[in-house]
Amino acid sequence: MKATRLVVLGVALATAAGAGYMALNLKSPEVVQENASAPSTPQLELDKVLVAKDQIGVGDVVDEKMRWQVWPKEAVTEGFITETAEAGAIEALKGSIARLVIMPGEPVRRAKLIGKDQSFMSSILPAGKRAVAVEVKADTSAGGFILPNDFVDLIMTRRATTASGAETFVTETILKNIRILAIDQTIREDEEGRKVKVGQTATLELTPQQSEIVTVAQQMADRLALALRSTADAAEQVSGEADYLVNGNVKRNTVRMIKSGEVTEVGAKK
């Protein structure tokens, strides 16, 4: 009886071992086949792109403010400066000036730079515009808080003599919504956003017609003042400028006469 049990147990163990062996042999090819068909991960092609180390402000010289940054080749777009194409770009661009703000980590593009032998002002001036300097003081320029890229109205105050011979002052806004290009040579704010110094000359961005108006106004005016405008008004359509200063002498039924810088207005004949 014991011998029979031993035989049965031996047969069962042999059967189990055989089943396990067969199962192992059946799974192994599947694992090998699965591993063989798994796609390999493609290698990402890299290059190095010239970027700003820190923020580069308008008018800043870019020396020592650029570095190479590893960049995926497929993300390199037109205008990027790469180490593969221009390994000596950092040295070649020394002395260049930023005409627009370049943020930290932003790729440096030549379209945002001015060569060391180029004029800064002419480079930032839009096509068809003129840069005209106007003398101002702190008390006539919003307390000295007007900065480049602000928008202002230009106000003229002058003496005038009425038809009865009485002397009076006339004040009028001769230009509206004019962009400031520079205040003296101060073309940016300091690190804390404060004005570096109070300028005494404001450079305005004007059309050719506006340039003529300002030229005449500077001869006529006792004082020119800048009135700071809200940035929300930058897109406002301007009308009613003092074109009469260069287009003719008649305004509000008066005739203007200038002698030695003094203006006399008399009633115009109807």
C-alpha atoms as a PDB file:
ATOM      1  CA  MET A   1       0.000   0.000   0.000  1.00  0.00           C
ATOM      2  CA  LYS A   2       2.820   2.313   0.851  1.00  0.00           C
ATOM      3  CA  ALA A   3       4.596   1.358  -2.355  1.00  0.00           C
ATOM      4  CA  THR A   4       1.494   2.224  -4.419  1.00  0.00           C
ATOM      5  CA  ARG A   5       1.251   5.650  -2.808  1.00  0.00           C
ATOM      6  CA  LEU A   6       4.868   6.304  -3.478  1.00  0.00           C
ATOM      7  CA  VAL A   7       4.421   5.410  -7.135  1.00  0.00           C
ATOM      8  CA  VAL A   8       1.386   7.697  -7.476  1.00  0.00           C
ATOM      9  CA  LEU A   9       3.223  10.543  -5.758  1.00  0.00           C
ATOM     10  CA  GLY A  10       6.234  10.068  -8.023  1.00  0.00           C
ATOM     11  CA  VAL A  11       4.040  10.105 -11.116  1.00  0.00           C
ATOM     12  CA  ALA A  12       2.340  13.314  -9.935  1.00  0.00           C
ATOM     13  CA  LEU A  13       5.659  15.022  -9.284  1.00  0.00           C
ATOM     14  CA  ALA A  14       6.980  13.980 -12.660  1.00  0.00           C
ATOM     15  CA  THR A  15       3.839  15.262 -14.372  1.00  0.00           C
ATOM     16  CA  ALA A  16       4.047  18.611 -12.591  1.00  0.00           C
ATOM     17  CA  ALA A  17       7.720  18.987 -13.484  1.00  0.00           C
ATOM     18  CA  GLY A  18       6.990  18.221 -17.111  1.00  0.00           C
ATOM     19  CA  ALA A  19       4.150  20.737 -17.250  1.00  0.00           C
ATOM     20  CA  GLY A  20       6.348  23.410 -15.778  1.00  0.00           C
ATOM     21  CA  TYR A  21       9.125  22.694 -18.234  1.00  0.00           C
ATOM     22  CA  MET A  22       6.716  22.902 -21.167  1.00  0.00           C
ATOM     23  CA  ALA A  23       5.228  26.182 -19.918  1.00  0.00           C
ATOM     24  CA  LEU A  24       8.700  27.677 -19.579  1.00  0.00           C
ATOM     25  CA  ASN A  25       9.625  26.704 -23.116  1.00  0.00           C
ATOM     26  CA  LEU A  26       6.384  28.138 -24.517  1.00  0.00           C
ATOM     27  CA  LYS A  27       6.813  31.579 -22.830  1.00  0.00           C
ATOM     28  CA  SER A  28      10.488  32.105 -23.591  1.00  0.00           C
ATOM     29  CA  PRO A  29      10.068  32.646 -27.375  1.00  0.00           C
ATOM     30  CA  GLU A  30       7.265  35.142 -26.758  1.00  0.00           C
ATOM     31  CA  VAL A  31       9.464  37.192 -24.426  1.00  0.00           C
ATOM     32  CA  VAL A  32      12.335  37.136 -26.877  1.00  0.00           C
ATOM     33  CA  GLN A  33      10.020  38.094 -29.729  1.00  0.00           C
ATOM     34  CA  GLU A  34       8.485  40.933 -27.707  1.00  0.00           C
ATOM     35  CA  ASN A  35      11.894  42.342 -26.781  1.00  0.00           C
ATOM     36  CA  ALA A  36      13.081  42.080 -30.343  1.00  0.00           C
ATOM     37  CA  SER A  37      10.110  44.067 -31.704  1.00  0.00           C
ATOM     38  CA  ALA A  38      10.307  46.939 -29.143  1.00  0.00           C
ATOM     39  CA  PRO A  39      11.284  50.204 -30.967  1.00  0.00           C
ATOM     40  CA  SER A  40      14.533  51.867 -29.904  1.00  0.00           C
ATOM     41  CA  THR A  41      14.377  55.451 -28.535  1.00  0.00           C
ATOM     42  CA  PRO A  42      15.791  57.892 -31.144  1.00  0.00           C
ATOM     43  CA  GLN A  43      18.683  60.125 -30.084  1.00  0.00           C
ATOM     44  CA  LEU A  44      17.686  63.842 -29.842  1.00  0.00           C
ATOM     45  CA  GLU A  45      19.953  66.000 -32.003  1.00  0.00           C
ATOM     46  CA  LEU A  46      21.284  69.007 -30.109  1.00  0.00           C
ATOM     47  CA  ASP A  47      23.071  72.249 -30.921  1.00  0.00           C
ATOM     48  CA  LYS A  48      24.010  75.327 -28.922  1.00  0.00           C
ATOM     49  CA  VAL A  49      22.139  78.626 -29.320  1.00  0.00           C
ATOM     50  CA  LEU A  50      23.382  82.072 -28.230  1.00  0.00           C
ATOM     51  CA  VAL A  51      21.112  83.392 -25.447  1.00  0.00           C
ATOM     52  CA  ALA A  52      21.092  86.265 -22.934  1.00  0.00           C
ATOM     53  CA  LYS A  53      22.631  85.498 -19.531  1.00  0.00           C
ATOM     54  CA  ASP A  54      20.556  88.195 -17.828  1.00  0.00           C
ATOM     55  CA  GLN A  55      18.075  90.792 -19.012  1.00  0.00           C
ATOM     56  CA  ILE A  56      19.593  93.074 -21.643  1.00  0.00           C
ATOM     57  CA  GLY A  57      17.851  96.455 -21.661  1.00  0.00           C
ATOM     58  CA  VAL A  58      17.368  98.868 -24.527  1.00  0.00           C
ATOM     59  CA  GLY A  59      20.671 100.620 -25.177  1.00  0.00           C
ATOM     60  CA  ASP A  60      22.739  98.079 -23.233  1.00  0.00           C
ATOM     61  CA  VAL A  61      26.028  96.843 -24.672  1.00  0.00           C
ATOM     62  CA  VAL A  62      25.765  93.049 -24.962  1.00  0.00           C
ATOM     63  CA  ASP A  63      29.399  92.308 -23.995  1.00  0.00           C
ATOM     64  CA  GLU A  64      29.660  89.609 -21.307  1.00  0.00           C
ATOM     65  CA  LYS A  65      25.870  89.235 -21.292  1.00  0.00           C
ATOM     66  CA  MET A  66      25.602  86.274 -23.667  1.00  0.00           C
ATOM     67  CA  ARG A  67      26.270  82.544 -23.377  1.00  0.00           C
ATOM     68  CA  TRP A  68      25.793  79.301 -25.327  1.00  0.00           C
ATOM     69  CA  GLN A  69      22.757  77.225 -24.347  1.00  0.00           C
ATOM     70  CA  VAL A  70      22.113  73.614 -25.399  1.00  0.00           C
ATOM     71  CA  TRP A  71      19.077  73.615 -27.697  1.00  0.00           C
ATOM     72  CA  PRO A  72      17.200  70.907 -29.649  1.00  0.00           C
ATOM     73  CA  LYS A  73      18.092  71.216 -33.333  1.00  0.00           C
ATOM     74  CA  GLU A  74      14.474  70.777 -34.392  1.00  0.00           C
ATOM     75  CA  ALA A  75      13.535  73.840 -32.259  1.00  0.00           C
ATOM     76  CA  VAL A  76      16.133  76.134 -33.853  1.00  0.00           C
ATOM     77  CA  THR A  77      14.337  78.709 -36.005  1.00  0.00           C
ATOM     78  CA  GLU A  78      15.450  81.363 -38.465  1.00  0.00           C
ATOM     79  CA  GLY A  79      17.398  84.150 -36.793  1.00  0.00           C
ATOM     80  CA  PHE A  80      18.905  82.015 -34.017  1.00  0.00           C
ATOM     81  CA  ILE A  81      22.693  82.174 -33.746  1.00  0.00           C
ATOM     82  CA  THR A  82      24.078  78.636 -33.354  1.00  0.00           C
ATOM     83  CA  GLU A  83      27.525  77.461 -32.325  1.00  0.00           C
ATOM     84  CA  THR A  84      27.625  75.087 -35.278  1.00  0.00           C
ATOM     85  CA  ALA A  85      27.170  77.916 -37.781  1.00  0.00           C
ATOM     86  CA  GLU A  86      28.957  80.750 -35.909  1.00  0.00           C
ATOM     87  CA  ALA A  87      31.289  79.478 -33.228  1.00  0.00           C
ATOM     88  CA  GLY A  88      32.900  82.924 -32.799  1.00  0.00           C
ATOM     89  CA  ALA A  89      29.625  84.871 -32.503  1.00  0.00           C
ATOM     90  CA  ILE A  90      30.208  86.076 -28.913  1.00  0.00           C
ATOM     91  CA  GLU A  91      33.459  87.749 -29.883  1.00  0.00           C
ATOM     92  CA  ALA A  92      32.045  89.057 -33.181  1.00  0.00           C
ATOM     93  CA  LEU A  93      29.067  90.727 -31.471  1.00  0.00           C
ATOM     94  CA  LYS A  94      31.094  92.562 -28.825  1.00  0.00           C
ATOM     95  CA  GLY A  95      30.292  96.265 -28.846  1.00  0.00           C
ATOM     96  CA  SER A  96      26.788  95.709 -30.235  1.00  0.00           C
ATOM     97  CA  ILE A  97      23.859  97.498 -28.558  1.00  0.00           C
ATOM     98  CA  ALA A  98      20.393  96.136 -27.876  1.00  0.00           C
ATOM     99  CA  ARG A  99      17.677  98.039 -29.726  1.00  0.00           C
ATOM    100  CA  LEU A 100      14.958  96.017 -27.952  1.00  0.00           C
ATOM    101  CA  VAL A 101      14.750  94.286 -24.565  1.00  0.00           C
ATOM    102  CA  ILE A 102      16.148  90.718 -24.523  1.00  0.00           C
ATOM    103  CA  MET A 103      14.935  88.601 -21.596  1.00  0.00           C
ATOM    104  CA  PRO A 104      17.119  86.104 -19.678  1.00  0.00           C
ATOM    105  CA  GLY A 105      17.432  82.836 -21.621  1.00  0.00           C
ATOM    106  CA  GLU A 106      15.965  84.384 -24.769  1.00  0.00           C
ATOM    107  CA  PRO A 107      17.879  83.631 -27.995  1.00  0.00           C
ATOM    108  CA  VAL A 108      19.891  86.615 -29.194  1.00  0.00           C
ATOM    109  CA  ARG A 109      18.893  87.693 -32.711  1.00  0.00           C
ATOM    110  CA  ARG A 110      20.772  90.154 -34.876  1.00  0.00           C
ATOM    111  CA  ALA A 111      17.444  91.899 -35.624  1.00  0.00           C
ATOM    112  CA  LYS A 112      17.447  93.086 -31.981  1.00  0.00           C
ATOM    113  CA  LEU A 113      21.023  94.378 -32.090  1.00  0.00           C
ATOM    114  CA  ILE A 114      22.760  97.455 -33.426  1.00  0.00           C
ATOM    115  CA  GLY A 115      26.328  97.107 -34.670  1.00  0.00           C
ATOM    116  CA  LYS A 116      29.026  98.995 -32.779  1.00  0.00           C
ATOM    117  CA  ASP A 117      29.521 101.327 -35.754  1.00  0.00           C
ATOM    118  CA  GLN A 118      25.797 102.077 -36.218  1.00  0.00           C
ATOM    119  CA  SER A 119      23.760 104.957 -34.790  1.00  0.00           C
ATOM    120  CA  PHE A 120      21.415 103.912 -32.004  1.00  0.00           C
ATOM    121  CA  MET A 121      18.803 106.584 -32.591  1.00  0.00           C
ATOM    122  CA  SER A 122      18.485 106.034 -36.334  1.00  0.00           C
ATOM    123  CA  SER A 123      18.192 102.291 -35.718  1.00  0.00           C
ATOM    124  CA  ILE A 124      15.204 102.560 -33.363  1.00  0.00           C
ATOM    125  CA  LEU A 125      13.438 105.202 -35.459  1.00  0.00           C
ATOM    126  CA  PRO A 126      10.564 103.702 -37.505  1.00  0.00           C
ATOM    127  CA  ALA A 127      10.565 104.210 -41.266  1.00  0.00           C
ATOM    128  CA  GLY A 128       9.091 107.570 -42.300  1.00  0.00           C
ATOM    129  CA  LYS A 129       9.519 109.123 -38.846  1.00  0.00           C
ATOM    130  CA  ARG A 130      11.808 111.913 -37.672  1.00  0.00           C
ATOM    131  CA  ALA A 131      13.590 112.468 -34.342  1.00  0.00           C
ATOM    132  CA  VAL A 132      13.345 116.058 -33.107  1.00  0.00           C
ATOM    133  CA  ALA A 133      14.845 117.367 -29.856  1.00  0.00           C
ATOM    134  CA  VAL A 134      12.848 119.736 -27.639  1.00  0.00           C
ATOM    135  CA  GLU A 135      14.256 121.553 -24.622  1.00  0.00           C
ATOM    136  CA  VAL A 136      12.333 120.777 -21.443  1.00  0.00           C
ATOM    137  CA  LYS A 137      12.710 121.180 -17.685  1.00  0.00           C
ATOM    138  CA  ALA A 138      11.525 119.100 -14.754  1.00  0.00           C
ATOM    139  CA  ASP A 139       8.628 121.474 -14.081  1.00  0.00           C
ATOM    140  CA  THR A 140       7.483 121.223 -17.714  1.00  0.00           C
ATOM    141  CA  SER A 141       7.843 117.439 -18.095  1.00  0.00           C
ATOM    142  CA  ALA A 142       5.577 115.841 -15.478  1.00  0.00           C
ATOM    143  CA  GLY A 143       8.070 116.425 -12.700  1.00  0.00           C
ATOM    144  CA  GLY A 144      10.827 114.556 -14.530  1.00  0.00           C
ATOM    145  CA  PHE A 145       8.980 111.240 -14.567  1.00  0.00           C
ATOM    146  CA  ILE A 146       8.633 110.999 -18.348  1.00  0.00           C
ATOM    147  CA  LEU A 147      10.699 108.129 -19.747  1.00  0.00           C
ATOM    148  CA  PRO A 148      11.504 106.745 -23.198  1.00  0.00           C
ATOM    149  CA  ASN A 149       8.509 105.064 -24.887  1.00  0.00           C
ATOM    150  CA  ASP A 150       6.045 107.169 -22.879  1.00  0.00           C
ATOM    151  CA  PHE A 151       3.437 109.130 -24.840  1.00  0.00           C
ATOM    152  CA  VAL A 152       2.921 112.850 -24.300  1.00  0.00           C
ATOM    153  CA  ASP A 153       1.082 115.916 -25.531  1.00  0.00           C
ATOM    154  CA  LEU A 154       3.198 118.924 -26.474  1.00  0.00           C
ATOM    155  CA  ILE A 155       1.800 122.181 -25.069  1.00  0.00           C
ATOM    156  CA  MET A 156       2.950 125.611 -26.213  1.00  0.00           C
ATOM    157  CA  THR A 157       2.640 128.795 -24.118  1.00  0.00           C
ATOM    158  CA  ARG A 158       3.383 132.130 -25.801  1.00  0.00           C
ATOM    159  CA  ARG A 159       2.798 135.821 -25.457  1.00  0.00           C
ATOM    160  CA  ALA A 160       0.297 137.464 -27.758  1.00  0.00           C
ATOM    161  CA  THR A 161      -1.075 140.948 -28.252  1.00  0.00           C
ATOM    162  CA  THR A 162      -4.783 141.321 -28.834  1.00  0.00           C
ATOM    163  CA  ALA A 163      -6.350 143.721 -31.321  1.00  0.00           C
ATOM    164  CA  SER A 164      -6.823 146.240 -28.490  1.00  0.00           C
ATOM    165  CA  GLY A 165      -3.080 146.165 -27.727  1.00  0.00           C
ATOM    166  CA  ALA A 166      -3.325 144.213 -24.484  1.00  0.00           C
ATOM    167  CA  GLU A 167      -0.659 141.614 -23.828  1.00  0.00           C
ATOM    168  CA  THR A 168      -1.837 138.135 -22.920  1.00  0.00           C
ATOM    169  CA  PHE A 169      -0.655 134.542 -22.819  1.00  0.00           C
ATOM    170  CA  VAL A 170      -2.003 131.882 -25.138  1.00  0.00           C
ATOM    171  CA  THR A 171      -1.661 128.183 -24.307  1.00  0.00           C
ATOM    172  CA  GLU A 172      -2.586 125.376 -26.660  1.00  0.00           C
ATOM    173  CA  THR A 173      -1.825 121.728 -27.301  1.00  0.00           C
ATOM    174  CA  ILE A 174      -0.014 121.661 -30.625  1.00  0.00           C
ATOM    175  CA  LEU A 175       0.771 117.913 -30.833  1.00  0.00           C
ATOM    176  CA  LYS A 176      -0.936 114.932 -29.231  1.00  0.00           C
ATOM    177  CA  ASN A 177       0.056 111.362 -28.395  1.00  0.00           C
ATOM    178  CA  ILE A 178       3.733 111.733 -29.304  1.00  0.00           C
ATOM    179  CA  ARG A 179       6.207 108.982 -28.377  1.00  0.00           C
ATOM    180  CA  ILE A 180       9.337 109.880 -26.424  1.00  0.00           C
ATOM    181  CA  LEU A 181      12.459 108.351 -27.948  1.00  0.00           C
ATOM    182  CA  ALA A 182      14.951 109.581 -25.355  1.00  0.00           C
ATOM    183  CA  ILE A 183      15.445 112.034 -22.514  1.00  0.00           C
ATOM    184  CA  ASP A 184      18.925 113.524 -22.946  1.00  0.00           C
ATOM    185  CA  GLN A 185      21.145 110.454 -23.278  1.00  0.00           C
ATOM    186  CA  THR A 186      19.092 108.530 -20.723  1.00  0.00           C
ATOM    187  CA  ILE A 187      17.430 105.824 -22.796  1.00  0.00           C
ATOM    188  CA  ARG A 188      16.383 103.403 -20.018  1.00  0.00           C
ATOM    189  CA  GLU A 189      15.451 103.171 -16.348  1.00  0.00           C
ATOM    190  CA  ASP A 190      17.744 102.036 -13.571  1.00  0.00           C
ATOM    191  CA  GLU A 191      17.477  98.562 -11.983  1.00  0.00           C
ATOM    192  CA  GLU A 192      14.724  99.659  -9.605  1.00  0.00           C
ATOM    193  CA  GLY A 193      12.647 101.248 -12.348  1.00  0.00           C
ATOM    194  CA  ARG A 194      13.522 104.813 -11.349  1.00  0.00           C
ATOM    195  CA  LYS A 195      14.683 107.538 -13.695  1.00  0.00           C
ATOM    196  CA  VAL A 196      18.463 107.880 -13.694  1.00  0.00           C
ATOM    197  CA  LYS A 197      18.409 111.683 -14.008  1.00  0.00           C
ATOM    198  CA  VAL A 198      16.075 114.486 -15.006  1.00  0.00           C
ATOM    199  CA  GLY A 199      16.602 115.196 -18.675  1.00  0.00           C
ATOM    200  CA  GLN A 200      16.717 118.633 -20.202  1.00  0.00           C
ATOM    201  CA  THR A 201      16.185 117.581 -23.793  1.00  0.00           C
ATOM    202  CA  ALA A 202      13.380 115.302 -24.948  1.00  0.00           C
ATOM    203  CA  THR A 203      13.712 113.607 -28.331  1.00  0.00           C
ATOM    204  CA  LEU A 204      10.310 113.100 -29.942  1.00  0.00           C
ATOM    205  CA  GLU A 205       9.216 110.672 -32.652  1.00  0.00           C
ATOM    206  CA  LEU A 206       7.417 112.796 -35.259  1.00  0.00           C
ATOM    207  CA  THR A 207       6.138 112.785 -38.802  1.00  0.00           C
ATOM    208  CA  PRO A 208       7.746 115.247 -41.253  1.00  0.00           C
ATOM    209  CA  GLN A 209       4.744 117.589 -40.846  1.00  0.00           C
ATOM    210  CA  GLN A 210       4.952 117.417 -37.040  1.00  0.00           C
ATOM    211  CA  SER A 211       8.683 118.147 -37.243  1.00  0.00           C
ATOM    212  CA  GLU A 212       7.907 121.422 -39.028  1.00  0.00           C
ATOM    213  CA  ILE A 213       5.260 122.299 -36.441  1.00  0.00           C
ATOM    214  CA  VAL A 214       7.725 121.792 -33.586  1.00  0.00           C
ATOM    215  CA  THR A 215      10.411 123.816 -35.360  1.00  0.00           C
ATOM    216  CA  VAL A 216       8.056 126.791 -35.729  1.00  0.00           C
ATOM    217  CA  ALA A 217       6.715 126.357 -32.183  1.00  0.00           C
ATOM    218  CA  GLN A 218      10.207 126.509 -30.689  1.00  0.00           C
ATOM    219  CA  GLN A 219      10.704 129.910 -32.322  1.00  0.00           C
ATOM    220  CA  MET A 220       7.341 131.220 -31.149  1.00  0.00           C
ATOM    221  CA  ALA A 221       6.975 129.728 -27.682  1.00  0.00           C
ATOM    222  CA  ASP A 222       7.957 131.181 -24.348  1.00  0.00           C
ATOM    223  CA  ARG A 223       7.688 127.673 -22.985  1.00  0.00           C
ATOM    224  CA  LEU A 224       7.045 124.166 -24.279  1.00  0.00           C
ATOM    225  CA  ALA A 225       5.643 121.613 -21.834  1.00  0.00           C
ATOM    226  CA  LEU A 226       5.157 117.871 -22.021  1.00  0.00           C
ATOM    227  CA  ALA A 227       1.955 116.385 -20.608  1.00  0.00           C
ATOM    228  CA  LEU A 228       2.271 112.667 -19.830  1.00  0.00           C
ATOM    229  CA  ARG A 229      -0.514 110.478 -21.221  1.00  0.00           C
ATOM    230  CA  SER A 230      -1.850 107.110 -20.126  1.00  0.00           C
ATOM    231  CA  THR A 231      -0.529 104.067 -21.982  1.00  0.00           C
ATOM    232  CA  ALA A 232      -4.175 103.207 -22.655  1.00  0.00           C
ATOM    233  CA  ASP A 233      -4.292 106.208 -25.023  1.00  0.00           C
ATOM    234  CA  ALA A 234      -1.408 105.005 -27.215  1.00  0.00           C
ATOM    235  CA  ALA A 235      -3.712 103.725 -29.963  1.00  0.00           C
ATOM    236  CA  GLU A 236      -5.925 106.833 -29.978  1.00  0.00           C
ATOM    237  CA  GLN A 237      -6.458 108.437 -33.369  1.00  0.00           C
ATOM    238  CA  VAL A 238      -5.107 111.988 -33.227  1.00  0.00           C
ATOM    239  CA  SER A 239      -6.772 114.975 -34.870  1.00  0.00           C
ATOM    240  CA  GLY A 240      -6.717 118.734 -34.465  1.00  0.00           C
ATOM    241  CA  GLU A 241      -2.960 119.322 -34.393  1.00  0.00           C
ATOM    242  CA  ALA A 242      -1.539 122.810 -34.983  1.00  0.00           C
ATOM    243  CA  ASP A 243      -1.068 122.391 -38.736  1.00  0.00           C
ATOM    244  CA  TYR A 244      -1.883 126.074 -39.127  1.00  0.00           C
ATOM    245  CA  LEU A 245       1.648 126.876 -37.933  1.00  0.00           C
ATOM    246  CA  VAL A 246       3.070 125.585 -41.214  1.00  0.00           C
ATOM    247  CA  ASN A 247       0.037 125.504 -43.522  1.00  0.00           C
ATOM    248  CA  GLY A 248      -1.056 129.113 -43.234  1.00  0.00           C
ATOM    249  CA  ASN A 249      -1.600 132.032 -40.922  1.00  0.00           C
ATOM    250  CA  VAL A 250      -5.320 131.822 -40.266  1.00  0.00           C
ATOM    251  CA  LYS A 251      -6.761 130.265 -37.119  1.00  0.00           C
ATOM    252  CA  ARG A 252      -9.954 131.129 -35.275  1.00  0.00           C
ATOM    253  CA  ASN A 253     -10.544 134.209 -37.465  1.00  0.00           C
ATOM    254  CA  THR A 254      -7.159 135.726 -36.604  1.00  0.00           C
ATOM    255  CA  VAL A 255      -4.032 136.645 -38.522  1.00  0.00           C
ATOM    256  CA  ARG A 256      -0.726 135.840 -36.858  1.00  0.00           C
ATOM    257  CA  MET A 257       2.284 138.186 -37.173  1.00  0.00           C
ATOM    258  CA  ILE A 258       5.712 137.296 -35.763  1.00  0.00           C
ATOM    259  CA  LYS A 259       8.355 139.911 -35.104  1.00  0.00           C
ATOM    260  CA  SER A 260      11.484 139.289 -33.037  1.00  0.00           C
ATOM    261  CA  GLY A 261       9.893 136.161 -31.626  1.00  0.00           C
ATOM    262  CA  GLU A 262       6.797 138.038 -30.436  1.00  0.00           C
ATOM    263  CA  VAL A 263       3.422 137.064 -31.844  1.00  0.00           C
ATOM    264  CA  THR A 264       0.671 139.536 -32.643  1.00  0.00           C
ATOM    265  CA  GLU A 265      -2.815 138.367 -33.599  1.00  0.00           C
ATOM    266  CA  VAL A 266      -5.391 140.640 -35.157  1.00  0.00           C
ATOM    267  CA  GLY A 267      -8.844 139.932 -36.451  1.00  0.00           C
ATOM    268  CA  ALA A 268      -8.961 138.572 -39.975  1.00  0.00           C
ATOM    269  CA  LYS A 269     -11.070 140.267 -42.623  1.00  0.00           C
ATOM    270  CA  LYS A 270     -14.159 138.283 -43.479  1.00  0.00           C
END
